[in-house]
Protein backbone atom coordinates (compact mmCIF):
# COMPACT_ATOMS: atom_id res chain seq x y z
CA MET A 1 0.09 0.13 -0.06
CA THR A 2 1.46 3.33 -1.05
CA ILE A 3 0.35 7.13 -0.55
CA GLN A 4 0.05 7.20 -4.27
CA GLN A 5 -2.50 4.29 -4.35
CA LEU A 6 -4.64 6.23 -1.44
CA LYS A 7 -4.60 9.41 -3.57
CA TYR A 8 -5.65 7.49 -6.79
CA ILE A 9 -8.85 5.86 -4.69
CA VAL A 10 -9.65 9.33 -3.33
CA ALA A 11 -9.75 10.86 -6.84
CA LEU A 12 -11.74 8.01 -8.14
CA ASP A 13 -14.40 8.41 -5.37
CA GLU A 14 -14.54 12.64 -6.23
CA GLU A 15 -14.71 11.63 -10.18
CA ARG A 16 -16.48 8.68 -10.37
CA HIS A 17 -14.76 8.12 -13.57
CA PHE A 18 -11.40 6.21 -14.59
CA ALA A 19 -10.38 8.61 -17.27
CA LYS A 20 -11.34 11.72 -15.51
CA ALA A 21 -9.33 10.64 -12.09
CA ALA A 22 -6.31 9.74 -14.28
CA GLU A 23 -6.35 13.26 -15.81
CA VAL A 24 -6.70 14.51 -12.03
CA CYS A 25 -3.75 12.38 -11.21
CA MET A 26 -1.72 13.26 -14.12
CA VAL A 27 -1.46 9.48 -14.82
CA SER A 28 -2.38 7.31 -17.49
CA GLN A 29 -5.79 5.53 -16.95
CA PRO A 30 -4.09 1.84 -17.57
CA GLY A 31 -1.60 3.04 -14.74
CA LEU A 32 -4.47 4.02 -12.54
CA THR A 33 -6.46 0.99 -13.31
CA ILE A 34 -3.44 -1.22 -12.51
CA GLN A 35 -2.36 0.68 -9.12
CA LEU A 36 -6.09 -0.02 -7.89
CA LYS A 37 -6.29 -3.46 -8.71
CA ASN A 38 -2.85 -4.06 -7.08
CA LEU A 39 -4.28 -2.53 -3.85
CA GLU A 40 -7.49 -4.30 -4.04
CA GLU A 41 -5.66 -7.76 -4.25
CA GLU A 42 -3.27 -6.88 -1.73
CA ILE A 43 -6.16 -5.88 0.94
CA GLY A 44 -8.16 -8.67 -0.28
CA ILE A 45 -11.34 -6.38 -0.48
CA LYS A 46 -13.09 -4.44 -3.56
CA ILE A 47 -12.84 -0.78 -3.17
CA PHE A 48 -15.14 0.30 -6.34
CA ASP A 49 -18.32 -1.65 -7.95
CA ARG A 50 -17.05 -1.30 -11.44
CA ALA A 51 -20.34 -2.77 -12.57
CA LYS A 52 -22.23 0.64 -11.55
CA VAL A 53 -22.41 3.63 -13.67
CA PRO A 54 -21.11 6.17 -12.52
CA LEU A 55 -18.35 4.00 -10.51
CA THR A 56 -19.55 3.61 -6.99
CA PRO A 57 -17.48 2.40 -3.85
CA THR A 58 -18.53 -0.62 -2.13
CA VAL A 59 -19.73 -0.35 1.65
CA LEU A 60 -16.25 -1.33 2.78
CA GLY A 61 -14.70 0.63 -0.03
CA LYS A 62 -16.39 4.02 1.54
CA GLU A 63 -14.54 3.44 5.00
CA ILE A 64 -11.52 2.48 3.20
CA ILE A 65 -11.65 5.88 1.30
CA ASN A 66 -12.52 7.84 4.18
CA ARG A 67 -9.15 6.50 6.24
CA ALA A 68 -7.41 7.28 2.96
CA ARG A 69 -8.43 10.92 3.12
CA LYS A 70 -7.58 11.27 6.88
CA ILE A 71 -4.13 9.30 6.09
CA LEU A 72 -3.45 12.08 3.39
CA ARG A 73 -4.35 14.89 5.42
CA GLU A 74 -1.71 13.68 7.85
CA THR A 75 0.86 13.40 5.30
CA ASN A 76 0.36 16.69 4.23
CA GLU A 77 0.83 18.03 7.72
CA ILE A 78 3.81 16.15 8.20
CA ARG A 79 5.26 17.73 4.95
CA ASP A 80 4.12 21.33 6.31
CA PHE A 81 5.46 20.40 9.55
CA VAL A 82 9.21 19.65 8.00
CA VAL A 83 8.89 22.98 5.90
CA ASN A 84 8.02 24.89 9.05
CA GLU A 85 10.54 22.93 10.78
CA LYS A 86 13.49 23.76 8.23
CA ASN A 87 12.41 27.57 8.26
CA ALA A 88 11.95 28.19 11.83
CA LEU A 89 13.82 30.76 13.25
CA GLU A 90 13.28 29.87 16.82
CA GLY A 91 13.91 27.56 19.60
CA GLU A 92 17.17 26.22 20.95
CA LEU A 93 20.44 25.43 19.03
CA LYS A 94 23.66 23.84 20.62
CA ILE A 95 27.01 25.35 18.74
CA GLY A 96 30.38 23.62 19.47
CA VAL A 97 33.23 26.17 18.20
CA ILE A 98 37.20 25.13 18.08
CA SER A 99 38.99 26.82 20.72
CA THR A 100 41.52 28.31 18.30
CA LEU A 101 38.48 30.30 16.93
CA SER A 102 35.81 30.73 19.70
CA PRO A 103 37.39 33.49 21.68
CA TYR A 104 37.77 35.85 18.23
CA LEU A 105 34.76 34.79 16.26
CA ILE A 106 31.81 34.09 18.85
CA PRO A 107 31.54 37.65 20.58
CA LEU A 108 31.31 39.21 17.07
CA PHE A 109 28.92 36.47 15.64
CA ILE A 110 26.47 36.16 18.55
CA LYS A 111 26.12 40.10 18.73
CA VAL A 112 24.92 39.82 14.96
CA MET A 113 22.75 36.59 15.49
CA LYS A 114 20.76 38.19 18.39
CA GLU A 115 19.69 40.89 15.72
CA ILE A 116 18.73 38.56 13.18
CA THR A 117 17.23 35.72 15.23
CA PRO A 118 15.77 37.02 18.56
CA LYS A 119 13.80 33.99 19.05
CA VAL A 120 16.60 31.66 19.22
CA HIS A 121 18.60 30.24 22.09
CA PHE A 122 22.08 29.55 21.60
CA ILE A 123 23.98 27.29 23.78
CA ILE A 124 27.42 27.47 22.74
CA LYS A 125 30.45 24.91 23.58
CA GLU A 126 34.16 25.63 23.24
CA ALA A 127 35.80 22.20 22.60
CA ASN A 128 38.58 20.74 20.65
CA THR A 129 38.41 19.14 17.24
CA GLY A 130 37.99 15.62 18.09
CA GLN A 131 35.35 16.26 21.05
CA LEU A 132 33.25 18.41 18.58
CA MET A 133 33.19 15.41 15.83
CA HIS A 134 32.14 13.18 18.63
CA ASP A 135 29.45 15.71 19.92
CA VAL A 136 27.90 16.17 16.35
CA GLU A 137 27.80 12.64 15.57
CA THR A 138 25.81 11.65 19.06
CA GLY A 139 23.59 14.60 18.80
CA ALA A 140 25.05 16.62 21.90
CA LEU A 141 25.51 19.35 19.44
CA ASP A 142 23.37 20.55 16.50
CA VAL A 143 26.24 22.51 14.49
CA ALA A 144 29.89 22.61 14.95
CA ILE A 145 32.09 25.89 13.63
CA MET A 146 35.58 24.10 12.99
CA ALA A 147 38.52 23.49 10.68
CA THR A 148 37.53 21.18 7.68
CA PRO A 149 37.71 18.83 5.90
CA THR A 150 37.25 16.61 8.68
CA GLY A 151 37.60 13.07 6.64
CA ASN A 152 34.31 11.87 8.49
CA LYS A 153 31.62 10.45 6.17
CA ASN A 154 29.18 10.95 8.68
CA LEU A 155 29.28 14.49 8.97
CA ILE A 156 28.30 17.17 6.29
CA GLU A 157 30.42 19.95 6.03
CA HIS A 158 29.18 23.61 4.88
CA PRO A 159 32.21 25.77 4.27
CA VAL A 160 31.91 29.74 5.28
CA PHE A 161 35.29 31.14 4.94
CA GLN A 162 38.90 30.56 4.89
CA GLU A 163 40.98 32.17 7.55
CA PRO A 164 44.84 32.86 6.78
CA PHE A 165 47.80 31.92 9.56
CA VAL A 166 50.04 34.48 9.96
CA ALA A 167 53.51 34.29 11.98
CA TYR A 168 53.65 36.13 15.43
CA LEU A 169 57.47 36.86 16.08
CA ASN A 170 59.51 38.49 18.97
CA LYS A 171 61.20 41.74 18.21
CA GLU A 172 64.65 39.87 18.16
CA HIS A 173 63.78 37.44 15.34
CA PRO A 174 65.70 38.09 12.34
CA MET A 175 62.24 38.59 10.51
CA ALA A 176 60.73 40.90 12.68
CA LYS A 177 61.39 44.02 10.31
CA GLU A 178 60.52 42.28 7.00
CA ASN A 179 57.20 42.72 5.35
CA PHE A 180 56.15 38.73 4.94
CA TYR A 181 57.55 36.04 6.77
CA GLU A 182 59.41 33.09 5.53
CA ILE A 183 60.39 29.77 7.46
CA GLN A 184 63.85 30.08 8.62
CA PRO A 185 66.25 27.37 9.60
CA GLY A 186 66.65 28.03 13.04
CA ASP A 187 62.88 28.39 13.46
CA LYS A 188 61.56 24.86 13.26
CA PRO A 189 62.69 23.78 16.80
CA MET A 190 61.16 26.79 18.10
CA LEU A 191 57.54 26.50 16.86
CA LEU A 192 55.08 26.85 19.69
CA LEU A 193 52.35 24.27 19.80
CA LEU A 194 48.99 23.71 21.79
CA GLN A 195 48.23 20.79 23.92
CA ASN A 196 45.14 18.36 22.52
CA GLU A 197 44.67 20.68 19.68
CA TYR A 198 45.85 18.00 17.04
CA CYS A 199 44.20 19.18 14.01
CA TYR A 200 45.50 22.81 14.54
CA ASN A 201 48.92 21.55 15.29
CA ALA A 202 48.99 19.37 12.11
CA GLN A 203 48.09 22.58 10.23
CA LEU A 204 51.19 24.48 11.61
CA LEU A 205 53.59 21.38 10.93
CA ASP A 206 52.38 21.28 7.46
CA ILE A 207 53.15 25.02 6.97
CA CYS A 208 56.65 24.58 8.72
CA GLY A 209 57.47 21.26 6.51
CA LEU A 210 57.67 19.02 9.72
CA LYS A 211 56.45 15.56 10.38
CA ALA A 212 56.40 16.09 14.31
CA PRO A 213 57.09 18.54 16.85
CA GLY A 214 60.47 18.95 18.27
CA PRO A 215 61.63 19.86 21.73
CA ILE A 216 61.57 23.63 22.30
CA LYS A 217 64.19 24.53 24.83
CA ASP A 218 66.02 21.65 26.89
CA GLN A 219 65.14 22.95 30.07
CA PHE A 220 61.23 23.50 29.40
CA SER A 221 58.43 21.52 28.32
CA TYR A 222 55.14 23.15 27.31
CA ASP A 223 51.54 21.97 27.85
CA ILE A 224 49.60 25.07 26.47
CA SER A 225 45.89 25.06 25.55
CA SER A 226 45.45 28.84 24.60
CA ILE A 227 46.54 30.99 21.80
CA GLU A 228 46.73 34.08 24.13
CA THR A 229 49.75 31.97 26.11
CA LEU A 230 51.23 31.13 22.73
CA LYS A 231 51.45 34.87 22.19
CA ASN A 232 52.67 35.68 25.97
CA LEU A 233 55.42 33.34 25.28
CA VAL A 234 56.52 34.76 21.97
CA ARG A 235 56.91 38.08 23.81
CA ALA A 236 58.96 36.27 26.43
CA GLU A 237 61.27 35.21 23.28
CA LEU A 238 60.63 31.74 24.35
CA GLY A 239 59.75 30.83 20.61
CA PHE A 240 57.46 31.63 17.95
CA ALA A 241 53.92 31.04 16.89
CA ILE A 242 51.71 30.89 13.60
CA ILE A 243 48.27 31.81 14.44
CA PRO A 244 45.05 32.46 12.75
CA GLN A 245 44.63 35.83 11.31
CA LEU A 246 41.43 36.64 13.44
CA SER A 247 43.25 36.26 16.79
CA THR A 248 45.35 39.18 15.88
CA LEU A 249 42.42 41.75 15.41
CA ASN A 250 42.79 43.59 18.80
CA GLU A 251 46.47 43.33 18.82
CA LYS A 252 48.41 46.76 19.21
CA GLU A 253 51.60 45.35 18.01
CA LYS A 254 50.47 44.76 14.54
CA GLU A 255 54.15 44.98 13.24
CA LEU A 256 54.94 41.56 14.62
CA PHE A 257 52.41 39.65 12.87
CA LYS A 258 53.75 38.74 9.80
CA PRO A 259 51.93 37.49 6.60
CA PHE A 260 52.90 34.59 4.49
CA LYS A 261 53.83 35.34 0.72
CA ASP A 262 51.17 34.31 -1.89
CA PRO A 263 49.85 31.38 -1.83
CA LYS A 264 49.13 32.04 1.80
CA PRO A 265 48.41 29.18 4.10
CA VAL A 266 44.67 29.14 5.39
CA ARG A 267 42.59 27.02 7.10
CA GLU A 268 38.98 26.42 5.89
CA ILE A 269 36.47 27.08 8.64
CA SER A 270 33.05 25.18 7.97
CA PHE A 271 29.32 24.52 9.79
CA VAL A 272 29.78 20.88 10.31
CA VAL A 273 26.27 18.90 11.10
CA SER A 274 24.78 15.50 11.13
CA ASP A 275 23.05 13.94 7.89
CA THR A 276 19.75 14.55 10.03
CA PHE A 277 20.35 18.26 10.87
CA SER A 278 17.09 20.16 9.08
CA LYS A 279 17.44 23.83 10.18
CA LYS A 280 18.59 24.70 6.92
CA LEU A 281 17.54 28.54 6.85
CA LEU A 282 18.91 28.93 10.54
CA LEU A 283 22.21 27.93 8.90
CA GLU A 284 21.95 30.14 6.03
CA LYS A 285 21.53 33.04 8.42
CA MET A 286 24.63 31.83 10.47
CA ASN A 287 26.57 31.99 7.44
CA GLU A 288 25.20 35.50 6.88
CA ALA A 289 26.31 36.67 10.28
CA ILE A 290 29.43 35.38 10.32
CA TRP A 291 30.30 36.81 6.86
CA SER A 292 29.18 40.16 8.01
CA CYS A 293 31.23 40.47 11.02
CA LEU A 294 34.57 39.28 9.42
CA PRO A 295 37.38 41.71 8.49
CA GLU A 296 37.72 42.73 4.94
CA ALA A 297 41.18 41.49 4.74
CA ILE A 298 39.72 37.87 5.30
CA LYS A 299 36.92 38.40 2.79
CA THR A 300 39.22 39.70 0.05
CA ASN A 301 39.83 37.13 -2.71
CA VAL A 302 43.54 36.53 -2.63
CA SER A 303 45.84 33.42 -3.32
CA TYR A 304 45.30 30.82 -0.74
CA ARG A 305 46.92 27.19 0.09
CA LYS A 306 44.27 25.53 1.91
CA ILE A 307 46.13 23.56 4.78
CA ARG A 308 44.74 19.94 5.41
CA TRP A 309 45.11 18.38 8.89
CA ASN A 310 42.69 15.17 8.58
CA ASP A 311 45.39 13.05 6.70
CA SER A 312 48.60 14.16 8.41
CA PRO A 313 50.99 11.64 9.90
CA TYR A 314 50.98 13.56 12.94
CA PHE A 315 47.43 13.98 13.33
CA VAL A 316 46.41 10.36 12.78
CA ASP A 317 49.32 9.21 15.03
CA ALA A 318 48.22 11.70 17.99
CA ILE A 319 44.50 10.96 17.54
CA SER A 320 45.08 7.19 17.72
CA LYS A 321 46.27 7.71 21.16
CA VAL A 322 43.22 9.62 22.62
């Protein structure tokens, strides 16, 4: 029994004529006749008395047709519900954001979203890449804003923007007075990384041409989880950092943040959702909100080199130990 067959018997009841009902249903008369026959054979009951003119439902056929009308109404209600749900700009939305992006994007993003979607209550969680992917898959989060591609076939990615990386140098660095940064032989062992941010670290190692992080200084080991801490270590001349451009917006020492030459290394920032996520209009509004608060330097179309992290040997090895 199919929804289409139910539509056919309702049309036949209304038109009381095979040819007219077929025309209403935009199907051939033989096609409609075959479907009616198949339905009657399946349920073991004659729905229409074909010997009467005009076509007339049987006693049981009338009850079946009434129930078919009810089912079709409920089907339309489900369709309307889905459309409304997709277009709803209200309710609760659980968003996860990678910790290397959250402090710099979320304050700007939420301010705009409050104006665009005043009836939506946002619950925001800051986490690392692995936790965000797990939470989206299990339904603990509706949307993750993170670097992609993830390489996870169970997740759907909607790219939003490309964020360039810049080098942050201390005043004594040999390239501190240059306009652009190029990796120096002595820089590689001085690269500062974040603890448990395997995605982020894999991107930095790729930029520097490294397969794995090395020791910074024999006397110290660093267990850092914040880009702001990285910056302070750079200021203390304990290394150098490669950081996302958004993290430099409110810095005063702009001359120590050095862009790379074209093609600039970037990370792709995307909305990541499960395949059951339905609030497409809300996702569009979020996209508009983020794009509207990005600095023009990021919006400008320049030569980029997207840094992949999900197939990095360092990432694969690190994530397997979690």
